[in-house]
Amino acid sequence: MAHVVRAALVQASWTGDTESMITKHEEHARAAAAQGAKVIGFQEVFNAPYFCQVQESAHYRWAEAVPDGPTVRRMQDLARETGMVIVVPVFEIEQPGFYYNTAAVIDADGSYLGKYRKHHIPQVEGFWEKYYFKPGNLGWPVFDTAVGKVGVYICYDRHFPEGWRSLGLAGAQLVYNPSATSRGLSAHLWRLEQPAAAVANEYFVAAINRVGREEYGDNDFYGTSYFVDPRGQFVGDVASDTKEELVVRDLDFSLIDEVRHQWAFYRDRRPDAYDGLVRP
């Protein structure tokens, strides 16, 4: 029997300030809810510019507590209003000197379920993230939400298969991958890696990218956000590479069981043979 979840994602252009950026995402969420969506995810550090194009201490101002900061509390109100599960990526301060690239997960009744902290932190031209973020230390949680089991993997994480697999082993049905990736740097990988991860781990992936240029650098964020199913097929069209867009798609979660029975990748894993992958 089909188990269809209507899911949404937002790829957005930077407005110039936090208040208008949050307001814009609230409007997109309400529009998604009006179309029947039950879960929505936003892009990496959605309420701020991608400040990691530079290394300047002034940008620590974008950080806030999770879950007790103003943005997550506001998103809890939005979840209660819309009845949607919301994945909320923000710049987190745990205490002075302890900063993380984080996504909070909020259930459809507004309850805070927990957070994921980005594990793999890049430090290359235009993506100076080690200047700001400590590596994540909360593992790869999967959240039992009103729509099913939802995980998060953030941007640069997507290049590393281990976290994708950990989410699958923990029962994820849908993994949101909020990102900020630039044209020319990895565009040729964008339509390869997340579909490959969806196939290898046999779940749905929501791949979200920013769109447009921002004031702190030359990165050209190319959008093309999408949902991909456990067979590696795009669910509907891929979003624009130049314009902001709300993407709403129907995901048939019954396909997960069908694919896992047919391809049986989890059955045929050999964890007893993998020790050498992590041995120093």
C-alpha atoms as a PDB file:
ATOM      1  CA  MET A   1       0.000   0.000   0.000  1.00  0.00           C
ATOM      2  CA  ALA A   2       1.297   3.449  -0.895  1.00  0.00           C
ATOM      3  CA  HIS A   3       2.501   5.629   1.949  1.00  0.00           C
ATOM      4  CA  VAL A   4       2.748   9.063   0.376  1.00  0.00           C
ATOM      5  CA  VAL A   5       4.323  12.009   2.187  1.00  0.00           C
ATOM      6  CA  ARG A   6       4.062  15.433   0.599  1.00  0.00           C
ATOM      7  CA  ALA A   7       7.412  17.103   1.258  1.00  0.00           C
ATOM      8  CA  ALA A   8       8.830  20.538   0.519  1.00  0.00           C
ATOM      9  CA  LEU A   9      12.143  22.363   0.349  1.00  0.00           C
ATOM     10  CA  VAL A  10      13.125  25.969  -0.220  1.00  0.00           C
ATOM     11  CA  GLN A  11      16.089  27.296  -2.210  1.00  0.00           C
ATOM     12  CA  ALA A  12      16.361  30.993  -1.452  1.00  0.00           C
ATOM     13  CA  SER A  13      18.344  34.098  -2.324  1.00  0.00           C
ATOM     14  CA  TRP A  14      19.770  36.238   0.471  1.00  0.00           C
ATOM     15  CA  THR A  15      17.614  39.267   1.305  1.00  0.00           C
ATOM     16  CA  GLY A  16      20.216  41.322   3.161  1.00  0.00           C
ATOM     17  CA  ASP A  17      18.981  40.875   6.727  1.00  0.00           C
ATOM     18  CA  THR A  18      17.852  38.122   9.075  1.00  0.00           C
ATOM     19  CA  GLU A  19      14.339  39.373   9.752  1.00  0.00           C
ATOM     20  CA  SER A  20      13.301  39.523   6.112  1.00  0.00           C
ATOM     21  CA  MET A  21      15.028  36.196   5.420  1.00  0.00           C
ATOM     22  CA  ILE A  22      13.060  34.456   8.153  1.00  0.00           C
ATOM     23  CA  THR A  23       9.829  36.151   7.071  1.00  0.00           C
ATOM     24  CA  LYS A  24      10.376  34.962   3.504  1.00  0.00           C
ATOM     25  CA  HIS A  25      10.849  31.371   4.672  1.00  0.00           C
ATOM     26  CA  GLU A  26       7.721  31.596   6.808  1.00  0.00           C
ATOM     27  CA  GLU A  27       5.807  32.655   3.699  1.00  0.00           C
ATOM     28  CA  HIS A  28       7.226  29.748   1.718  1.00  0.00           C
ATOM     29  CA  ALA A  29       6.304  27.355   4.524  1.00  0.00           C
ATOM     30  CA  ARG A  30       2.737  28.624   4.606  1.00  0.00           C
ATOM     31  CA  ALA A  31       2.525  28.243   0.836  1.00  0.00           C
ATOM     32  CA  ALA A  32       3.820  24.673   1.114  1.00  0.00           C
ATOM     33  CA  ALA A  33       1.290  23.879   3.841  1.00  0.00           C
ATOM     34  CA  ALA A  34      -1.485  25.295   1.653  1.00  0.00           C
ATOM     35  CA  GLN A  35      -0.395  22.759  -0.995  1.00  0.00           C
ATOM     36  CA  GLY A  36      -0.656  19.959   1.542  1.00  0.00           C
ATOM     37  CA  ALA A  37       3.017  19.577   2.486  1.00  0.00           C
ATOM     38  CA  LYS A  38       3.680  17.889   5.829  1.00  0.00           C
ATOM     39  CA  VAL A  39       7.464  18.398   6.046  1.00  0.00           C
ATOM     40  CA  ILE A  40       9.770  21.168   4.841  1.00  0.00           C
ATOM     41  CA  GLY A  41      13.500  21.881   4.969  1.00  0.00           C
ATOM     42  CA  PHE A  42      15.533  25.057   4.480  1.00  0.00           C
ATOM     43  CA  GLN A  43      19.058  25.673   3.142  1.00  0.00           C
ATOM     44  CA  GLU A  44      22.304  25.718   5.116  1.00  0.00           C
ATOM     45  CA  VAL A  45      22.380  28.556   7.718  1.00  0.00           C
ATOM     46  CA  PHE A  46      19.100  29.681   6.193  1.00  0.00           C
ATOM     47  CA  ASN A  47      18.604  32.877   8.218  1.00  0.00           C
ATOM     48  CA  ALA A  48      22.018  34.386   7.350  1.00  0.00           C
ATOM     49  CA  PRO A  49      24.252  34.979   4.345  1.00  0.00           C
ATOM     50  CA  TYR A  50      26.890  32.391   3.555  1.00  0.00           C
ATOM     51  CA  PHE A  51      29.468  34.379   5.523  1.00  0.00           C
ATOM     52  CA  CYS A  52      32.068  31.590   5.264  1.00  0.00           C
ATOM     53  CA  GLN A  53      33.294  33.128   2.012  1.00  0.00           C
ATOM     54  CA  VAL A  54      35.422  35.312   4.310  1.00  0.00           C
ATOM     55  CA  GLN A  55      37.189  34.875   7.645  1.00  0.00           C
ATOM     56  CA  GLU A  56      36.013  37.763   9.818  1.00  0.00           C
ATOM     57  CA  SER A  57      35.155  37.621  13.503  1.00  0.00           C
ATOM     58  CA  ALA A  58      32.219  39.999  12.990  1.00  0.00           C
ATOM     59  CA  HIS A  59      30.262  37.092  11.524  1.00  0.00           C
ATOM     60  CA  TYR A  60      30.012  35.340  14.865  1.00  0.00           C
ATOM     61  CA  ARG A  61      27.066  37.685  15.360  1.00  0.00           C
ATOM     62  CA  TRP A  62      24.884  35.360  13.294  1.00  0.00           C
ATOM     63  CA  ALA A  63      25.154  32.576  15.904  1.00  0.00           C
ATOM     64  CA  GLU A  64      22.374  31.736  18.353  1.00  0.00           C
ATOM     65  CA  ALA A  65      21.442  29.032  20.803  1.00  0.00           C
ATOM     66  CA  VAL A  66      19.681  25.839  19.715  1.00  0.00           C
ATOM     67  CA  PRO A  67      16.933  25.235  20.709  1.00  0.00           C
ATOM     68  CA  ASP A  68      16.552  28.297  22.923  1.00  0.00           C
ATOM     69  CA  GLY A  69      17.469  30.965  20.379  1.00  0.00           C
ATOM     70  CA  PRO A  70      14.930  33.227  18.669  1.00  0.00           C
ATOM     71  CA  THR A  71      14.948  31.546  15.250  1.00  0.00           C
ATOM     72  CA  VAL A  72      14.254  28.010  16.466  1.00  0.00           C
ATOM     73  CA  ARG A  73      11.543  29.260  18.828  1.00  0.00           C
ATOM     74  CA  ARG A  74       9.958  31.137  15.931  1.00  0.00           C
ATOM     75  CA  MET A  75      10.107  28.022  13.766  1.00  0.00           C
ATOM     76  CA  GLN A  76       8.413  26.046  16.544  1.00  0.00           C
ATOM     77  CA  ASP A  77       5.533  28.520  16.348  1.00  0.00           C
ATOM     78  CA  LEU A  78       5.484  28.112  12.571  1.00  0.00           C
ATOM     79  CA  ALA A  79       5.372  24.314  12.874  1.00  0.00           C
ATOM     80  CA  ARG A  80       2.401  24.544  15.241  1.00  0.00           C
ATOM     81  CA  GLU A  81       0.668  26.966  12.878  1.00  0.00           C
ATOM     82  CA  THR A  82       1.198  24.922   9.708  1.00  0.00           C
ATOM     83  CA  GLY A  83       1.198  21.382  11.134  1.00  0.00           C
ATOM     84  CA  MET A  84       4.467  20.658   9.334  1.00  0.00           C
ATOM     85  CA  VAL A  85       7.742  19.072  10.388  1.00  0.00           C
ATOM     86  CA  ILE A  86      10.492  21.678   9.809  1.00  0.00           C
ATOM     87  CA  VAL A  87      14.255  21.197   9.346  1.00  0.00           C
ATOM     88  CA  VAL A  88      15.928  24.438  10.475  1.00  0.00           C
ATOM     89  CA  PRO A  89      19.658  24.929   9.674  1.00  0.00           C
ATOM     90  CA  VAL A  90      21.324  27.704  11.707  1.00  0.00           C
ATOM     91  CA  PHE A  91      24.699  28.842  13.087  1.00  0.00           C
ATOM     92  CA  GLU A  92      24.729  27.543  16.653  1.00  0.00           C
ATOM     93  CA  ILE A  93      26.545  28.865  19.704  1.00  0.00           C
ATOM     94  CA  GLU A  94      26.728  26.357  22.539  1.00  0.00           C
ATOM     95  CA  GLN A  95      28.957  28.581  24.710  1.00  0.00           C
ATOM     96  CA  PRO A  96      31.633  31.163  23.925  1.00  0.00           C
ATOM     97  CA  GLY A  97      34.186  29.506  21.643  1.00  0.00           C
ATOM     98  CA  PHE A  98      31.923  26.543  20.849  1.00  0.00           C
ATOM     99  CA  TYR A  99      30.180  27.103  17.509  1.00  0.00           C
ATOM    100  CA  TYR A 100      28.548  24.566  15.198  1.00  0.00           C
ATOM    101  CA  ASN A 101      26.863  24.357  11.802  1.00  0.00           C
ATOM    102  CA  THR A 102      23.594  22.898  13.026  1.00  0.00           C
ATOM    103  CA  ALA A 103      20.100  21.887  11.943  1.00  0.00           C
ATOM    104  CA  ALA A 104      17.251  21.698  14.436  1.00  0.00           C
ATOM    105  CA  VAL A 105      14.369  19.328  13.717  1.00  0.00           C
ATOM    106  CA  ILE A 106      10.922  20.413  14.862  1.00  0.00           C
ATOM    107  CA  ASP A 107       7.890  18.147  14.835  1.00  0.00           C
ATOM    108  CA  ALA A 108       4.504  19.058  13.390  1.00  0.00           C
ATOM    109  CA  ASP A 109       3.154  20.024  16.826  1.00  0.00           C
ATOM    110  CA  GLY A 110       6.011  22.473  17.392  1.00  0.00           C
ATOM    111  CA  SER A 111       7.996  20.246  19.720  1.00  0.00           C
ATOM    112  CA  TYR A 112      11.781  20.343  19.423  1.00  0.00           C
ATOM    113  CA  LEU A 113      13.042  16.846  18.603  1.00  0.00           C
ATOM    114  CA  GLY A 114      16.785  17.487  18.562  1.00  0.00           C
ATOM    115  CA  LYS A 115      19.604  18.682  16.354  1.00  0.00           C
ATOM    116  CA  TYR A 116      22.283  17.512  13.972  1.00  0.00           C
ATOM    117  CA  ARG A 117      25.720  19.150  13.916  1.00  0.00           C
ATOM    118  CA  LYS A 118      27.711  19.068  10.672  1.00  0.00           C
ATOM    119  CA  HIS A 119      30.598  16.605  10.974  1.00  0.00           C
ATOM    120  CA  HIS A 120      32.851  17.454   8.033  1.00  0.00           C
ATOM    121  CA  ILE A 121      34.055  21.053   7.983  1.00  0.00           C
ATOM    122  CA  PRO A 122      35.729  22.388   4.806  1.00  0.00           C
ATOM    123  CA  GLN A 123      38.549  24.942   4.715  1.00  0.00           C
ATOM    124  CA  VAL A 124      39.109  25.881   1.085  1.00  0.00           C
ATOM    125  CA  GLU A 125      38.846  29.064  -0.969  1.00  0.00           C
ATOM    126  CA  GLY A 126      35.379  30.559  -0.539  1.00  0.00           C
ATOM    127  CA  PHE A 127      34.379  28.001   2.094  1.00  0.00           C
ATOM    128  CA  TRP A 128      36.402  28.955   5.191  1.00  0.00           C
ATOM    129  CA  GLU A 129      34.229  27.020   7.623  1.00  0.00           C
ATOM    130  CA  LYS A 130      36.905  25.845  10.060  1.00  0.00           C
ATOM    131  CA  TYR A 131      37.299  29.490  11.056  1.00  0.00           C
ATOM    132  CA  TYR A 132      33.750  29.390  12.450  1.00  0.00           C
ATOM    133  CA  PHE A 133      32.636  25.829  13.217  1.00  0.00           C
ATOM    134  CA  LYS A 134      33.777  22.971  15.398  1.00  0.00           C
ATOM    135  CA  PRO A 135      33.140  19.478  13.938  1.00  0.00           C
ATOM    136  CA  GLY A 136      29.822  17.959  14.942  1.00  0.00           C
ATOM    137  CA  ASN A 137      29.795  15.735  18.016  1.00  0.00           C
ATOM    138  CA  LEU A 138      26.238  14.398  18.224  1.00  0.00           C
ATOM    139  CA  GLY A 139      26.502  11.481  15.816  1.00  0.00           C
ATOM    140  CA  TRP A 140      23.947  10.959  13.062  1.00  0.00           C
ATOM    141  CA  PRO A 141      20.553  11.089  14.773  1.00  0.00           C
ATOM    142  CA  VAL A 142      17.364  10.043  13.030  1.00  0.00           C
ATOM    143  CA  PHE A 143      14.257  11.800  14.301  1.00  0.00           C
ATOM    144  CA  ASP A 144      10.899  10.056  14.702  1.00  0.00           C
ATOM    145  CA  THR A 145       8.582  12.739  13.288  1.00  0.00           C
ATOM    146  CA  ALA A 146       4.923  12.997  12.355  1.00  0.00           C
ATOM    147  CA  VAL A 147       5.817  12.053   8.751  1.00  0.00           C
ATOM    148  CA  GLY A 148       8.294   9.280   9.501  1.00  0.00           C
ATOM    149  CA  LYS A 149      11.983   8.939  10.258  1.00  0.00           C
ATOM    150  CA  VAL A 150      13.919  12.021   9.143  1.00  0.00           C
ATOM    151  CA  GLY A 151      17.692  12.584   9.159  1.00  0.00           C
ATOM    152  CA  VAL A 152      19.955  15.495   8.258  1.00  0.00           C
ATOM    153  CA  TYR A 153      23.364  15.651   6.551  1.00  0.00           C
ATOM    154  CA  ILE A 154      24.760  19.155   5.871  1.00  0.00           C
ATOM    155  CA  CYS A 155      26.482  20.337   2.657  1.00  0.00           C
ATOM    156  CA  TYR A 156      30.138  19.174   2.642  1.00  0.00           C
ATOM    157  CA  ASP A 157      29.066  16.081   4.594  1.00  0.00           C
ATOM    158  CA  ARG A 158      27.582  14.745   1.366  1.00  0.00           C
ATOM    159  CA  HIS A 159      31.045  13.880   0.032  1.00  0.00           C
ATOM    160  CA  PHE A 160      31.520  11.311   2.819  1.00  0.00           C
ATOM    161  CA  PRO A 161      29.541   8.045   2.537  1.00  0.00           C
ATOM    162  CA  GLU A 162      29.849   7.013   6.178  1.00  0.00           C
ATOM    163  CA  GLY A 163      27.224   9.409   7.519  1.00  0.00           C
ATOM    164  CA  TRP A 164      24.762   8.568   4.764  1.00  0.00           C
ATOM    165  CA  ARG A 165      25.112   4.907   5.752  1.00  0.00           C
ATOM    166  CA  SER A 166      24.776   5.648   9.473  1.00  0.00           C
ATOM    167  CA  LEU A 167      21.487   7.415   8.802  1.00  0.00           C
ATOM    168  CA  GLY A 168      20.231   4.459   6.788  1.00  0.00           C
ATOM    169  CA  LEU A 169      21.219   1.968   9.478  1.00  0.00           C
ATOM    170  CA  ALA A 170      19.304   4.094  11.984  1.00  0.00           C
ATOM    171  CA  GLY A 171      16.150   3.783   9.878  1.00  0.00           C
ATOM    172  CA  ALA A 172      16.011   7.075   7.983  1.00  0.00           C
ATOM    173  CA  GLN A 173      13.303   7.299   5.333  1.00  0.00           C
ATOM    174  CA  LEU A 174      14.034  10.877   4.253  1.00  0.00           C
ATOM    175  CA  VAL A 175      17.330  12.756   4.643  1.00  0.00           C
ATOM    176  CA  TYR A 176      17.510  16.513   4.177  1.00  0.00           C
ATOM    177  CA  ASN A 177      20.856  17.792   2.850  1.00  0.00           C
ATOM    178  CA  PRO A 178      20.863  21.599   3.265  1.00  0.00           C
ATOM    179  CA  SER A 179      23.770  23.101   1.355  1.00  0.00           C
ATOM    180  CA  ALA A 180      25.573  26.173   0.012  1.00  0.00           C
ATOM    181  CA  THR A 181      27.585  25.095  -3.005  1.00  0.00           C
ATOM    182  CA  SER A 182      28.971  27.195  -5.822  1.00  0.00           C
ATOM    183  CA  ARG A 183      28.842  26.906  -9.587  1.00  0.00           C
ATOM    184  CA  GLY A 184      32.083  25.555 -11.026  1.00  0.00           C
ATOM    185  CA  LEU A 185      33.327  24.095  -7.755  1.00  0.00           C
ATOM    186  CA  SER A 186      31.067  21.065  -7.520  1.00  0.00           C
ATOM    187  CA  ALA A 187      28.164  21.485  -9.925  1.00  0.00           C
ATOM    188  CA  HIS A 188      29.164  18.332 -11.775  1.00  0.00           C
ATOM    189  CA  LEU A 189      28.897  16.396  -8.491  1.00  0.00           C
ATOM    190  CA  TRP A 190      25.585  17.872  -7.378  1.00  0.00           C
ATOM    191  CA  ARG A 191      23.392  15.583  -9.487  1.00  0.00           C
ATOM    192  CA  LEU A 192      25.624  12.555  -8.831  1.00  0.00           C
ATOM    193  CA  GLU A 193      26.338  12.300  -5.119  1.00  0.00           C
ATOM    194  CA  GLN A 194      22.903  12.601  -3.522  1.00  0.00           C
ATOM    195  CA  PRO A 195      21.211  10.239  -6.021  1.00  0.00           C
ATOM    196  CA  ALA A 196      24.068   7.789  -5.448  1.00  0.00           C
ATOM    197  CA  ALA A 197      23.600   8.089  -1.685  1.00  0.00           C
ATOM    198  CA  ALA A 198      19.855   7.541  -2.074  1.00  0.00           C
ATOM    199  CA  VAL A 199      20.523   4.363  -4.056  1.00  0.00           C
ATOM    200  CA  ALA A 200      23.277   3.010  -1.804  1.00  0.00           C
ATOM    201  CA  ASN A 201      21.232   3.585   1.337  1.00  0.00           C
ATOM    202  CA  GLU A 202      17.746   3.109  -0.109  1.00  0.00           C
ATOM    203  CA  TYR A 203      15.904   6.164   1.159  1.00  0.00           C
ATOM    204  CA  PHE A 204      14.716   9.554  -0.133  1.00  0.00           C
ATOM    205  CA  VAL A 205      17.041  12.565  -0.171  1.00  0.00           C
ATOM    206  CA  ALA A 206      16.113  16.250  -0.282  1.00  0.00           C
ATOM    207  CA  ALA A 207      19.091  18.160  -1.726  1.00  0.00           C
ATOM    208  CA  ILE A 208      18.861  21.925  -1.083  1.00  0.00           C
ATOM    209  CA  ASN A 209      21.212  24.592  -2.428  1.00  0.00           C
ATOM    210  CA  ARG A 210      21.231  28.363  -2.141  1.00  0.00           C
ATOM    211  CA  VAL A 211      20.742  30.451  -5.270  1.00  0.00           C
ATOM    212  CA  GLY A 212      22.432  33.658  -6.475  1.00  0.00           C
ATOM    213  CA  ARG A 213      25.416  35.723  -5.366  1.00  0.00           C
ATOM    214  CA  GLU A 214      25.837  37.326  -1.947  1.00  0.00           C
ATOM    215  CA  GLU A 215      27.809  40.279  -0.630  1.00  0.00           C
ATOM    216  CA  TYR A 216      30.699  38.456   1.041  1.00  0.00           C
ATOM    217  CA  GLY A 217      32.325  36.806  -1.968  1.00  0.00           C
ATOM    218  CA  ASP A 218      32.157  35.622  -5.548  1.00  0.00           C
ATOM    219  CA  ASN A 219      30.437  32.275  -4.991  1.00  0.00           C
ATOM    220  CA  ASP A 220      27.588  31.760  -7.448  1.00  0.00           C
ATOM    221  CA  PHE A 221      25.135  29.479  -5.686  1.00  0.00           C
ATOM    222  CA  TYR A 222      23.357  27.534  -8.404  1.00  0.00           C
ATOM    223  CA  GLY A 223      20.202  26.181  -6.804  1.00  0.00           C
ATOM    224  CA  THR A 224      19.002  23.114  -8.747  1.00  0.00           C
ATOM    225  CA  SER A 225      17.530  21.667  -5.560  1.00  0.00           C
ATOM    226  CA  TYR A 226      15.597  18.421  -5.807  1.00  0.00           C
ATOM    227  CA  PHE A 227      14.101  15.343  -4.223  1.00  0.00           C
ATOM    228  CA  VAL A 228      15.491  11.967  -5.277  1.00  0.00           C
ATOM    229  CA  ASP A 229      14.007   8.543  -4.578  1.00  0.00           C
ATOM    230  CA  PRO A 230      15.649   5.263  -3.442  1.00  0.00           C
ATOM    231  CA  ARG A 231      16.153   4.250  -7.081  1.00  0.00           C
ATOM    232  CA  GLY A 232      18.184   7.416  -7.710  1.00  0.00           C
ATOM    233  CA  GLN A 233      15.455   9.020  -9.816  1.00  0.00           C
ATOM    234  CA  PHE A 234      14.508  12.676  -9.435  1.00  0.00           C
ATOM    235  CA  VAL A 235      10.995  13.172  -8.074  1.00  0.00           C
ATOM    236  CA  GLY A 236       9.613  15.737 -10.491  1.00  0.00           C
ATOM    237  CA  ASP A 237      11.765  18.457 -11.997  1.00  0.00           C
ATOM    238  CA  VAL A 238      14.981  19.836 -10.562  1.00  0.00           C
ATOM    239  CA  ALA A 239      14.630  23.461  -9.422  1.00  0.00           C
ATOM    240  CA  SER A 240      15.977  26.486 -11.283  1.00  0.00           C
ATOM    241  CA  ASP A 241      19.700  27.252 -11.257  1.00  0.00           C
ATOM    242  CA  THR A 242      19.108  31.028 -11.072  1.00  0.00           C
ATOM    243  CA  LYS A 243      15.849  31.696  -9.232  1.00  0.00           C
ATOM    244  CA  GLU A 244      14.431  31.204  -5.777  1.00  0.00           C
ATOM    245  CA  GLU A 245      11.954  28.340  -5.638  1.00  0.00           C
ATOM    246  CA  LEU A 246       9.665  26.372  -3.371  1.00  0.00           C
ATOM    247  CA  VAL A 247       9.671  22.703  -4.377  1.00  0.00           C
ATOM    248  CA  VAL A 248       6.791  20.446  -3.260  1.00  0.00           C
ATOM    249  CA  ARG A 249       6.762  16.770  -4.163  1.00  0.00           C
ATOM    250  CA  ASP A 250       4.919  13.575  -3.227  1.00  0.00           C
ATOM    251  CA  LEU A 251       7.259  10.901  -1.860  1.00  0.00           C
ATOM    252  CA  ASP A 252       5.956   7.343  -1.768  1.00  0.00           C
ATOM    253  CA  PHE A 253       7.700   5.855   1.258  1.00  0.00           C
ATOM    254  CA  SER A 254       6.437   2.381   0.321  1.00  0.00           C
ATOM    255  CA  LEU A 255       9.109   2.473  -2.401  1.00  0.00           C
ATOM    256  CA  ILE A 256      11.734   2.144   0.348  1.00  0.00           C
ATOM    257  CA  ASP A 257      10.566  -1.326   1.326  1.00  0.00           C
ATOM    258  CA  GLU A 258      10.149  -2.311  -2.315  1.00  0.00           C
ATOM    259  CA  VAL A 259      13.709  -1.326  -3.191  1.00  0.00           C
ATOM    260  CA  ARG A 260      15.212  -2.880  -0.068  1.00  0.00           C
ATOM    261  CA  HIS A 261      13.533  -6.176  -0.889  1.00  0.00           C
ATOM    262  CA  GLN A 262      14.629  -6.027  -4.517  1.00  0.00           C
ATOM    263  CA  TRP A 263      18.234  -4.858  -4.125  1.00  0.00           C
ATOM    264  CA  ALA A 264      18.894  -6.152  -0.597  1.00  0.00           C
ATOM    265  CA  PHE A 265      21.948  -3.985  -0.007  1.00  0.00           C
ATOM    266  CA  TYR A 266      21.471  -4.017   3.753  1.00  0.00           C
ATOM    267  CA  ARG A 267      21.245  -7.799   3.812  1.00  0.00           C
ATOM    268  CA  ASP A 268      24.504  -8.145   1.926  1.00  0.00           C
ATOM    269  CA  ARG A 269      26.590  -5.670   3.908  1.00  0.00           C
ATOM    270  CA  ARG A 270      29.792  -7.073   5.457  1.00  0.00           C
ATOM    271  CA  PRO A 271      30.492  -4.986   8.585  1.00  0.00           C
ATOM    272  CA  ASP A 272      32.694  -7.834   9.839  1.00  0.00           C
ATOM    273  CA  ALA A 273      35.055  -7.080   6.954  1.00  0.00           C
ATOM    274  CA  TYR A 274      35.169  -3.296   7.271  1.00  0.00           C
ATOM    275  CA  ASP A 275      37.441  -2.781  10.277  1.00  0.00           C
ATOM    276  CA  GLY A 276      40.286  -1.593   8.064  1.00  0.00           C
ATOM    277  CA  LEU A 277      38.217   1.405   6.918  1.00  0.00           C
ATOM    278  CA  VAL A 278      38.519   3.084  10.323  1.00  0.00           C
ATOM    279  CA  ARG A 279      41.659   1.501  11.780  1.00  0.00           C
ATOM    280  CA  PRO A 280      44.414   4.165  12.204  1.00  0.00           C
END
